[in-house]
Protein backbone atom coordinates (compact mmCIF):
# COMPACT_ATOMS: atom_id res chain seq x y z
CA UNK A 1 154.78 99.81 79.28
CA UNK A 2 151.13 100.72 79.30
CA UNK A 3 149.25 98.11 81.44
CA UNK A 4 145.72 97.22 82.12
CA UNK A 5 145.03 95.14 85.15
CA UNK A 6 142.12 92.82 85.46
CA UNK A 7 140.92 91.38 88.64
CA UNK A 8 138.08 91.26 91.39
CA UNK A 9 138.73 89.65 94.82
CA UNK A 10 141.33 90.41 97.60
CA UNK A 11 143.70 87.86 96.02
CA UNK A 12 144.13 90.28 93.04
CA UNK A 13 144.65 93.39 95.15
CA UNK A 14 148.07 92.12 96.49
CA UNK A 15 149.44 91.90 92.86
CA UNK A 16 147.94 95.36 91.86
CA UNK A 17 149.51 96.86 94.94
CA UNK A 18 152.98 95.38 94.10
CA UNK A 19 152.85 96.82 90.61
CA UNK A 20 151.97 100.34 91.88
CA UNK A 21 154.61 100.20 94.44
CA UNK A 22 157.11 99.42 91.82
CA UNK A 23 155.89 102.25 89.61
CA UNK A 24 154.39 100.22 86.75
CA UNK A 25 152.12 102.22 84.42
CA UNK A 26 148.69 100.93 85.30
CA UNK A 27 146.54 102.97 82.84
CA UNK A 28 143.15 101.17 83.92
CA UNK A 29 141.72 98.39 86.09
CA UNK A 30 138.86 96.26 84.79
CA UNK A 31 136.95 94.70 87.67
CA UNK A 32 133.48 93.19 88.15
CA UNK A 33 130.30 95.33 88.44
CA UNK A 34 129.24 96.33 91.96
CA UNK A 35 127.09 93.54 93.63
CA UNK A 36 124.27 93.75 96.17
CA UNK A 37 125.50 92.58 99.58
CA UNK A 38 124.55 92.45 103.22
CA UNK A 39 120.95 92.75 104.76
CA UNK A 40 119.98 95.83 102.76
CA UNK A 41 121.54 94.55 99.47
CA UNK A 42 123.51 97.61 99.19
CA UNK A 43 125.67 97.70 96.10
CA UNK A 44 129.20 96.92 97.02
CA UNK A 45 132.35 97.38 95.03
CA UNK A 46 134.97 94.66 94.71
CA UNK A 47 138.20 94.59 96.71
CA UNK A 48 140.09 95.61 93.48
CA UNK A 49 137.77 98.52 92.84
CA UNK A 50 138.03 99.79 96.47
CA UNK A 51 141.90 99.82 96.22
CA UNK A 52 141.75 101.39 92.80
CA UNK A 53 139.53 104.08 94.01
CA UNK A 54 141.98 104.77 96.83
CA UNK A 55 144.76 105.53 94.41
CA UNK A 56 142.67 107.21 91.75
CA UNK A 57 143.11 104.55 88.86
CA UNK A 58 140.85 104.60 85.90
CA UNK A 59 138.12 101.84 86.58
CA UNK A 60 136.14 99.82 83.88
CA UNK A 61 133.27 97.57 85.09
CA UNK A 62 131.72 95.83 82.06
CA UNK A 63 128.79 93.63 82.51
CA UNK A 64 129.64 91.92 79.24
CA UNK A 65 133.22 91.48 78.05
CA UNK A 66 132.10 91.55 74.39
CA UNK A 67 130.25 94.80 74.71
CA UNK A 68 131.21 97.16 71.92
CA UNK A 69 131.45 100.22 74.25
CA UNK A 70 133.89 98.33 76.69
CA UNK A 71 136.06 97.12 73.59
CA UNK A 72 136.34 100.67 72.23
CA UNK A 73 137.37 101.78 75.81
CA UNK A 74 140.16 99.16 75.77
CA UNK A 75 141.39 100.19 72.30
CA UNK A 76 141.48 103.92 73.29
CA UNK A 77 143.77 103.17 76.31
CA UNK A 78 146.34 101.57 73.77
CA UNK A 79 147.70 99.14 76.41
CA UNK A 80 151.02 97.31 75.63
CA UNK A 81 150.19 94.46 78.13
CA UNK A 82 147.18 93.14 80.10
CA UNK A 83 147.48 91.25 83.46
CA UNK A 84 144.70 89.04 84.80
CA UNK A 85 144.51 87.81 88.42
CA UNK A 86 141.36 86.08 89.62
CA UNK A 87 139.03 87.59 87.15
CA UNK A 88 136.60 86.13 84.43
CA UNK A 89 137.39 84.07 81.27
CA UNK A 90 138.24 86.66 78.60
CA UNK A 91 137.07 86.60 74.94
CA UNK A 92 139.86 86.52 72.34
CA UNK A 93 138.96 90.04 71.16
CA UNK A 94 140.09 91.18 74.65
CA UNK A 95 143.07 89.02 75.47
CA UNK A 96 144.52 89.34 71.99
CA UNK A 97 144.35 93.00 71.83
CA UNK A 98 147.63 94.26 73.38
CA UNK A 99 150.78 93.77 71.24
CA UNK A 100 152.69 92.14 74.20
CA UNK A 101 149.73 89.80 74.98
CA UNK A 102 147.69 89.12 78.20
CA UNK A 103 149.18 87.02 81.01
CA UNK A 104 147.34 85.38 83.91
CA UNK A 105 148.32 84.33 87.36
CA UNK A 106 147.06 80.93 88.35
CA UNK A 107 147.44 79.38 91.82
CA UNK A 108 148.87 75.95 90.85
CA UNK A 109 151.86 74.55 89.02
CA UNK A 110 150.18 74.29 85.57
CA UNK A 111 149.26 72.09 83.65
CA UNK A 112 148.02 70.68 87.04
CA UNK A 113 144.92 71.91 88.69
CA UNK A 114 143.53 73.82 85.73
CA UNK A 115 140.19 75.35 86.70
CA UNK A 116 138.30 77.53 89.06
CA UNK A 117 139.43 76.22 92.54
CA UNK A 118 143.14 75.11 92.34
CA UNK A 119 143.90 76.00 96.12
CA UNK A 120 140.93 74.02 97.35
CA UNK A 121 141.47 70.88 95.24
CA UNK A 122 145.17 70.69 95.82
CA UNK A 123 144.50 70.44 99.82
CA UNK A 124 141.38 68.27 99.20
CA UNK A 125 143.56 65.60 97.27
CA UNK A 126 146.39 65.66 99.96
CA UNK A 127 149.13 67.48 97.95
CA UNK A 128 152.26 68.38 99.81
CA UNK A 129 153.12 71.06 97.41
CA UNK A 130 151.50 73.52 95.06
CA UNK A 131 152.57 76.74 93.39
CA UNK A 132 151.99 79.64 91.14
CA UNK A 133 152.16 80.05 87.37
CA UNK A 134 152.08 83.07 85.14
CA UNK A 135 151.16 82.20 81.53
CA UNK A 136 149.90 84.01 78.31
CA UNK A 137 146.29 83.52 77.55
CA UNK A 138 145.18 81.53 74.45
CA UNK A 139 141.84 79.96 73.44
CA UNK A 140 141.56 77.02 75.76
CA UNK A 141 141.43 78.07 79.53
CA UNK A 142 144.65 77.66 81.55
CA UNK A 143 146.54 76.09 78.72
CA UNK A 144 148.74 78.93 77.43
CA UNK A 145 152.53 79.01 77.45
CA UNK A 146 154.16 79.16 80.90
CA UNK A 147 156.24 82.32 81.69
CA UNK A 148 157.27 81.63 85.28
CA UNK A 149 156.60 79.20 87.98
CA UNK A 150 157.25 78.91 91.70
CA UNK A 151 156.74 75.93 94.14
CA UNK A 152 155.12 76.48 97.41
CA UNK A 153 154.82 73.84 100.11
CA UNK A 154 151.52 72.98 101.76
CA UNK A 155 151.91 72.61 105.49
CA UNK A 156 150.33 69.74 107.37
CA UNK A 157 147.42 71.73 109.04
CA UNK A 158 147.12 74.50 106.42
CA UNK A 159 143.65 75.40 105.26
CA UNK A 160 142.55 76.70 102.02
CA UNK A 161 142.29 80.09 103.60
CA UNK A 162 145.73 79.97 105.07
CA UNK A 163 147.15 78.89 101.63
CA UNK A 164 145.14 81.50 99.80
CA UNK A 165 146.76 84.32 101.97
CA UNK A 166 150.23 82.92 101.52
CA UNK A 167 149.92 82.41 97.73
CA UNK A 168 148.49 86.01 97.09
CA UNK A 169 151.77 87.57 98.56
CA UNK A 170 154.11 85.17 96.65
CA UNK A 171 151.96 85.58 93.46
CA UNK A 172 152.42 89.38 93.63
CA UNK A 173 156.15 88.99 93.42
CA UNK A 174 155.80 86.55 90.49
CA UNK A 175 153.49 88.94 88.62
CA UNK A 176 156.03 91.76 89.13
CA UNK A 177 159.02 89.68 88.01
CA UNK A 178 156.89 88.51 84.82
CA UNK A 179 156.19 92.07 84.04
CA UNK A 180 160.00 92.80 84.22
CA UNK A 181 160.95 89.88 82.05
CA UNK A 182 158.39 90.86 79.45
CA UNK A 183 159.66 94.44 79.45
CA UNK A 184 163.27 93.29 78.97
CA UNK A 185 162.21 90.95 76.17
CA UNK A 186 164.08 88.15 77.78
CA UNK A 187 161.42 85.46 78.54
CA UNK A 188 161.71 81.59 78.11
CA UNK A 189 158.18 80.24 77.31
CA UNK A 190 157.51 76.58 78.15
CA UNK A 191 154.67 74.76 76.32
CA UNK A 192 152.30 73.06 78.65
CA UNK A 193 152.10 70.09 76.26
CA UNK A 194 155.75 69.27 77.02
CA UNK A 195 155.16 69.28 80.71
CA UNK A 196 152.17 66.90 80.45
CA UNK A 197 154.33 64.03 79.01
CA UNK A 198 153.87 60.95 81.15
CA UNK A 199 151.96 62.72 84.00
CA UNK A 200 148.55 62.27 85.38
CA UNK A 201 146.47 65.46 84.87
CA UNK A 202 144.49 66.68 87.85
CA UNK A 203 141.78 69.28 87.53
CA UNK A 204 140.39 71.98 89.80
CA UNK A 205 136.70 72.60 88.75
CA UNK A 206 134.35 75.04 90.55
CA UNK A 207 133.31 73.71 94.11
CA UNK A 208 129.52 72.83 94.32
CA UNK A 209 127.47 71.83 97.39
CA UNK A 210 127.79 68.16 96.58
CA UNK A 211 131.60 68.40 96.82
CA UNK A 212 131.26 69.60 100.36
CA UNK A 213 129.41 66.74 101.94
CA UNK A 214 131.68 64.53 104.17
CA UNK A 215 131.49 60.84 103.51
CA UNK A 216 132.50 59.17 106.80
CA UNK A 217 133.27 55.93 105.18
CA UNK A 218 136.47 57.56 103.87
CA UNK A 219 139.69 57.51 106.01
CA UNK A 220 140.04 60.22 108.76
CA UNK A 221 142.85 61.61 106.79
CA UNK A 222 141.01 62.12 103.62
CA UNK A 223 138.07 63.65 105.45
CA UNK A 224 140.46 66.07 107.23
CA UNK A 225 141.76 67.07 103.88
CA UNK A 226 138.42 67.85 102.73
CA UNK A 227 137.67 70.04 105.85
CA UNK A 228 141.04 71.85 105.34
CA UNK A 229 140.46 72.28 101.66
CA UNK A 230 137.07 73.80 102.11
CA UNK A 231 137.79 76.11 105.11
CA UNK A 232 136.87 78.79 105.65
CA UNK A 233 134.58 78.77 102.37
CA UNK A 234 132.32 77.15 101.47
CA UNK A 235 132.92 74.77 104.38
CA UNK A 236 132.66 70.94 104.63
CA UNK A 237 129.53 69.74 106.09
CA UNK A 238 127.65 66.63 107.51
CA UNK A 239 123.97 66.05 108.30
CA UNK A 240 122.75 65.44 111.70
CA UNK A 241 119.47 63.99 113.19
CA UNK A 242 118.12 65.10 116.57
CA UNK A 243 117.40 61.76 117.99
CA UNK A 244 114.09 62.67 119.67
CA UNK A 245 112.51 64.79 117.01
CA UNK A 246 114.18 63.46 114.03
CA UNK A 247 114.82 66.99 113.00
CA UNK A 248 117.62 67.22 110.40
CA UNK A 249 120.29 69.90 110.72
CA UNK A 250 123.54 70.78 108.86
CA UNK A 251 126.77 71.00 110.73
CA UNK A 252 129.80 72.67 109.11
CA UNK A 253 133.31 71.73 110.32
CA UNK A 254 136.07 74.19 109.71
CA UNK A 255 138.97 72.86 111.55
CA UNK A 256 139.92 69.40 112.91
CA UNK A 257 142.65 66.91 113.80
CA UNK A 258 142.68 63.43 112.52
CA UNK A 259 143.76 60.21 114.18
CA UNK A 260 144.44 57.06 112.33
CA UNK A 261 144.31 54.97 115.47
CA UNK A 262 142.35 51.62 114.69
CA UNK A 263 139.09 51.59 116.61
CA UNK A 264 136.02 49.24 116.77
CA UNK A 265 133.63 52.11 116.73
CA UNK A 266 131.25 52.26 113.73
CA UNK A 267 131.45 54.81 110.95
CA UNK A 268 129.74 58.04 111.95
CA UNK A 269 129.61 57.38 115.62
CA UNK A 270 129.94 60.42 117.83
CA UNK A 271 131.91 60.44 120.97
CA UNK A 272 131.97 63.44 123.26
CA UNK A 273 132.16 64.38 126.92
CA UNK A 274 129.99 67.36 126.09
CA UNK A 275 132.77 69.62 127.61
CA UNK A 276 135.92 69.57 125.76
CA UNK A 277 136.19 67.05 122.94
CA UNK A 278 134.05 65.92 120.05
CA UNK A 279 135.10 62.90 117.96
CA UNK A 280 133.34 61.39 114.96
CA UNK A 281 134.63 58.00 113.65
CA UNK A 282 135.53 57.28 110.02
CA UNK A 283 136.35 53.97 108.42
CA UNK A 284 139.91 54.45 109.56
CA UNK A 285 140.55 56.45 112.70
CA UNK A 286 138.45 59.53 113.74
CA UNK A 287 138.08 63.17 113.41
CA UNK A 288 138.69 65.37 116.42
CA UNK A 289 136.67 68.62 115.67
CA UNK A 290 138.24 71.99 116.82
CA UNK A 291 135.99 74.53 115.06
CA UNK A 292 132.37 74.02 113.88
CA UNK A 293 129.01 75.77 113.20
CA UNK A 294 125.58 74.23 113.60
CA UNK A 295 123.03 75.50 111.20
CA UNK A 296 121.51 78.85 112.30
CA UNK A 297 124.35 79.46 114.90
CA UNK A 298 127.73 81.04 115.02
CA UNK A 299 131.00 79.55 114.24
CA UNK A 300 132.64 78.45 117.47
CA UNK A 301 135.44 76.50 118.92
CA UNK A 302 134.49 73.02 120.14
CA UNK A 303 134.62 74.02 123.79
CA UNK A 304 132.46 77.20 123.31
CA UNK A 305 130.07 75.07 121.14
CA UNK A 306 129.69 72.25 123.88
CA UNK A 307 128.92 74.75 126.51
CA UNK A 308 125.49 75.43 124.83
CA UNK A 309 124.83 72.21 123.03
CA UNK A 310 124.42 68.73 124.13
CA UNK A 311 125.81 66.85 121.16
CA UNK A 312 125.08 63.33 122.57
CA UNK A 313 121.42 63.91 121.42
CA UNK A 314 122.45 63.96 117.70
CA UNK A 315 123.44 61.19 115.38
CA UNK A 316 125.34 61.35 112.01
CA UNK A 317 123.32 60.97 108.84
CA UNK A 318 125.82 59.15 106.37
CA UNK A 319 123.99 58.59 103.05
C-alpha cells in the first residue's frame, strides 16, 4: 500500500518509526510548518519533520489544508491509505481522498474523551484506565467507526507526561496492526453509536489557563489528580501573596502526594519547616508538594526550593 503519514509532535514519531521499521511504504509525510522557537525565534521543524528528514522521506508542510497546490500534491502521490497521529483536523477533501480511507490514532477509549486533550482529562477525572483507539475519519471529529482498541491502566502516581510516553509506544503497535488488518481486508468495524448506549459521555476539550488553577476547597485527591493531569505541561498553579509587600506571584506544582487525613486546618493553610516539607491544606486532607516552580524561577524539588525560599512568608489566594 502507498501510505501518507500525517503528524507533528513526538507522540507521532513513534508510530512513524514503527511503520518504517516494518517496511511500510510511506510515500510522504505531512506535518506542520516550521515555527519560531527559542530566544532568537529561529524557525524550528516539528519532531515528525526532523525524523522524516533523517530517513529522506518526502515532506509536505501546508499552511492551509484546503490549499489547491497541497491538494494537487496529495492527488499526485496516489496514496491508498492515510494515517493521522496528533495532527490537525482534516477537511473532507483530504480525508476522503484515498480509496482505503484515512484513519486516526486517538489516546482514549472512544467514544469516551473525544477532543484535544484525552490524556490530561482522563487523569484529571481520576480514571484508573484509559486506552487507545484507531478509527476511520468522518465529518464529526473523533466519531468515526472504530477499527482497533486497547485498554491501558493509569497508575496511581502517573502524570500526563508519564502516560503520554507509555501510550505513544503502545499506540505505535496499534497503528501497525491497523495497517496490517486494512491491508488484509479483514477488519471488523464498530459504530461508536452502539458503544454509547447507556453510558455517560466524557469529553476532553483543549486545556486553557482557567482549567489549570487549583481550587483548594476541593478534596486533596481531586487536587492531586489535577496536578498529575497537567504535569509537565501546562502545569497546575495557585496564586500566592507575599504577606509583607502584598505582591502576588504564581506557583506551579508538578508533583505531589495527597493525604486524606482529617485536619482542623483551614483550606489553603500552608505548613512547612522551611527545610524538607511543604503542605497545603484542602477541604479534605492536604497536598504534600514534591516538585514546584515559583514564577520567574527554575523547577525544583521541594527540598532544593526551600533552601532558597522562606515559604512561611507567603499565603494562598484561593478565589
